[in-house]
Amino acid sequence: MAVPKRKTSKARRDKRRSSVWKLDAPTLELCPNCKEYKRPHRICPSCGQYKGRTVILTEA
């Protein structure tokens, strides 16, 4: 049977239990053109624009 060789310290135990390493929800912002939510600094998936320019042609 596996048994720990050393006692786990309080600091190591608390670091493991902390919520610092857990993922957060992605940040979203409104597209100024179509008002859909999109990730910041990325092309809008619904209208295909970035910084006021059409980058990808999409079906309208």
N, C-alpha and C. Protein backbone atom coordinates (compact mmCIF):
# COMPACT_ATOMS: atom_id res chain seq x y z
N MET A 1 0.84 -1.18 0.00
CA MET A 1 0.00 0.00 0.00
C MET A 1 0.89 1.25 0.00
N ALA A 2 0.55 2.24 -0.81
CA ALA A 2 1.36 3.45 -0.91
C ALA A 2 1.10 4.36 0.29
N VAL A 3 2.20 4.77 0.92
CA VAL A 3 2.12 5.63 2.08
C VAL A 3 3.04 6.81 1.85
N PRO A 4 2.61 8.06 2.17
CA PRO A 4 3.50 9.21 1.98
C PRO A 4 4.76 9.08 2.83
N LYS A 5 5.90 9.43 2.25
CA LYS A 5 7.16 9.33 2.98
C LYS A 5 7.33 10.48 3.96
N ARG A 6 6.83 11.67 3.58
CA ARG A 6 6.94 12.86 4.42
C ARG A 6 5.58 13.52 4.58
N LYS A 7 5.43 14.25 5.66
CA LYS A 7 4.19 14.99 5.89
C LYS A 7 4.11 16.15 4.90
N THR A 8 2.96 16.36 4.30
CA THR A 8 2.76 17.49 3.41
C THR A 8 2.65 18.76 4.25
N SER A 9 3.48 19.75 3.93
CA SER A 9 3.49 20.98 4.73
C SER A 9 2.21 21.77 4.51
N LYS A 10 1.93 22.67 5.44
CA LYS A 10 0.73 23.50 5.34
C LYS A 10 0.80 24.41 4.12
N ALA A 11 2.00 24.90 3.81
CA ALA A 11 2.14 25.78 2.65
C ALA A 11 1.85 25.03 1.35
N ARG A 12 2.40 23.82 1.22
CA ARG A 12 2.16 23.04 0.01
C ARG A 12 0.70 22.65 -0.11
N ARG A 13 0.09 22.27 0.99
CA ARG A 13 -1.33 21.91 1.00
C ARG A 13 -2.19 23.10 0.60
N ASP A 14 -1.90 24.28 1.16
CA ASP A 14 -2.71 25.46 0.87
C ASP A 14 -2.50 25.97 -0.55
N LYS A 15 -1.29 25.81 -1.08
CA LYS A 15 -1.05 26.19 -2.48
C LYS A 15 -1.89 25.34 -3.41
N ARG A 16 -2.00 24.06 -3.11
CA ARG A 16 -2.80 23.17 -3.94
C ARG A 16 -4.27 23.52 -3.85
N ARG A 17 -4.73 23.92 -2.69
CA ARG A 17 -6.15 24.22 -2.49
C ARG A 17 -6.54 25.61 -2.96
N SER A 18 -5.57 26.47 -3.24
CA SER A 18 -5.89 27.85 -3.63
C SER A 18 -6.55 27.86 -5.01
N SER A 19 -7.28 28.89 -5.28
CA SER A 19 -8.01 28.98 -6.55
C SER A 19 -7.27 29.85 -7.55
N VAL A 20 -6.00 30.14 -7.33
CA VAL A 20 -5.24 31.01 -8.22
C VAL A 20 -5.05 30.36 -9.59
N TRP A 21 -4.85 29.05 -9.63
CA TRP A 21 -4.52 28.37 -10.87
C TRP A 21 -5.74 28.01 -11.70
N LYS A 22 -6.95 28.22 -11.16
CA LYS A 22 -8.16 27.84 -11.88
C LYS A 22 -8.45 28.83 -13.01
N LEU A 23 -9.02 28.33 -14.09
CA LEU A 23 -9.29 29.16 -15.26
C LEU A 23 -10.47 30.09 -15.02
N ASP A 24 -10.39 31.27 -15.63
CA ASP A 24 -11.48 32.24 -15.59
C ASP A 24 -12.25 32.19 -16.90
N ALA A 25 -13.41 32.76 -16.88
CA ALA A 25 -14.19 32.86 -18.11
C ALA A 25 -13.50 33.83 -19.06
N PRO A 26 -13.55 33.60 -20.38
CA PRO A 26 -12.88 34.51 -21.31
C PRO A 26 -13.53 35.89 -21.32
N THR A 27 -12.70 36.91 -21.52
CA THR A 27 -13.19 38.28 -21.59
C THR A 27 -13.88 38.50 -22.93
N LEU A 28 -15.02 39.17 -22.91
CA LEU A 28 -15.76 39.45 -24.12
C LEU A 28 -16.02 40.94 -24.23
N GLU A 29 -16.10 41.44 -25.44
CA GLU A 29 -16.46 42.84 -25.68
C GLU A 29 -17.40 42.89 -26.88
N LEU A 30 -18.11 44.00 -27.00
CA LEU A 30 -19.06 44.17 -28.09
C LEU A 30 -18.34 44.61 -29.36
N CYS A 31 -18.71 44.02 -30.47
CA CYS A 31 -18.19 44.44 -31.77
C CYS A 31 -18.84 45.78 -32.11
N PRO A 32 -18.06 46.80 -32.48
CA PRO A 32 -18.66 48.10 -32.79
C PRO A 32 -19.52 48.09 -34.06
N ASN A 33 -19.32 47.11 -34.93
CA ASN A 33 -20.05 47.05 -36.19
C ASN A 33 -21.39 46.33 -36.03
N CYS A 34 -21.37 45.10 -35.52
CA CYS A 34 -22.60 44.29 -35.49
C CYS A 34 -23.16 44.11 -34.08
N LYS A 35 -22.47 44.62 -33.05
CA LYS A 35 -22.92 44.56 -31.65
C LYS A 35 -23.00 43.13 -31.10
N GLU A 36 -22.26 42.20 -31.71
CA GLU A 36 -22.16 40.83 -31.17
C GLU A 36 -20.95 40.78 -30.24
N TYR A 37 -20.97 39.84 -29.31
CA TYR A 37 -19.84 39.67 -28.41
C TYR A 37 -18.70 38.95 -29.13
N LYS A 38 -17.46 39.40 -28.87
CA LYS A 38 -16.28 38.80 -29.46
C LYS A 38 -15.14 38.91 -28.48
N ARG A 39 -14.08 38.12 -28.70
CA ARG A 39 -12.88 38.21 -27.88
C ARG A 39 -12.11 39.47 -28.25
N PRO A 40 -11.48 40.14 -27.31
CA PRO A 40 -10.73 41.36 -27.65
C PRO A 40 -9.51 41.05 -28.52
N HIS A 41 -9.18 41.97 -29.41
CA HIS A 41 -8.03 41.90 -30.32
C HIS A 41 -8.14 40.73 -31.28
N ARG A 42 -9.36 40.39 -31.68
CA ARG A 42 -9.57 39.31 -32.64
C ARG A 42 -10.63 39.73 -33.65
N ILE A 43 -10.64 39.07 -34.79
CA ILE A 43 -11.63 39.33 -35.82
C ILE A 43 -12.99 38.89 -35.30
N CYS A 44 -14.03 39.68 -35.58
CA CYS A 44 -15.38 39.33 -35.17
C CYS A 44 -15.85 38.12 -35.98
N PRO A 45 -16.26 37.05 -35.33
CA PRO A 45 -16.67 35.86 -36.10
C PRO A 45 -17.98 36.03 -36.85
N SER A 46 -18.81 36.99 -36.44
CA SER A 46 -20.11 37.13 -37.10
C SER A 46 -20.05 38.07 -38.31
N CYS A 47 -19.29 39.18 -38.22
CA CYS A 47 -19.26 40.11 -39.36
C CYS A 47 -17.91 40.13 -40.07
N GLY A 48 -16.85 39.58 -39.48
CA GLY A 48 -15.56 39.49 -40.14
C GLY A 48 -14.76 40.78 -40.16
N GLN A 49 -15.05 41.72 -39.27
CA GLN A 49 -14.33 42.98 -39.25
C GLN A 49 -13.38 43.05 -38.07
N TYR A 50 -12.30 43.83 -38.26
CA TYR A 50 -11.34 44.11 -37.20
C TYR A 50 -10.86 45.53 -37.36
N LYS A 51 -11.02 46.33 -36.33
CA LYS A 51 -10.64 47.75 -36.33
C LYS A 51 -11.27 48.51 -37.49
N GLY A 52 -12.54 48.23 -37.77
CA GLY A 52 -13.27 48.96 -38.80
C GLY A 52 -13.02 48.51 -40.21
N ARG A 53 -12.17 47.50 -40.42
CA ARG A 53 -11.88 47.02 -41.77
C ARG A 53 -12.43 45.61 -41.91
N THR A 54 -12.95 45.31 -43.12
CA THR A 54 -13.43 43.97 -43.40
C THR A 54 -12.23 43.08 -43.72
N VAL A 55 -12.02 42.07 -42.89
CA VAL A 55 -10.89 41.17 -43.05
C VAL A 55 -11.32 39.87 -43.70
N ILE A 56 -12.48 39.36 -43.27
CA ILE A 56 -13.02 38.13 -43.81
C ILE A 56 -14.41 38.43 -44.37
N LEU A 57 -14.65 38.01 -45.60
CA LEU A 57 -15.99 38.17 -46.17
C LEU A 57 -16.90 37.08 -45.64
N THR A 58 -18.03 37.49 -45.07
CA THR A 58 -19.00 36.53 -44.52
C THR A 58 -20.32 36.68 -45.24
N GLU A 59 -21.14 35.65 -45.16
CA GLU A 59 -22.47 35.71 -45.75
C GLU A 59 -23.32 36.67 -44.93
N ALA A 60 -23.93 37.64 -45.58
CA ALA A 60 -24.73 38.63 -44.86
C ALA A 60 -26.20 38.29 -44.91
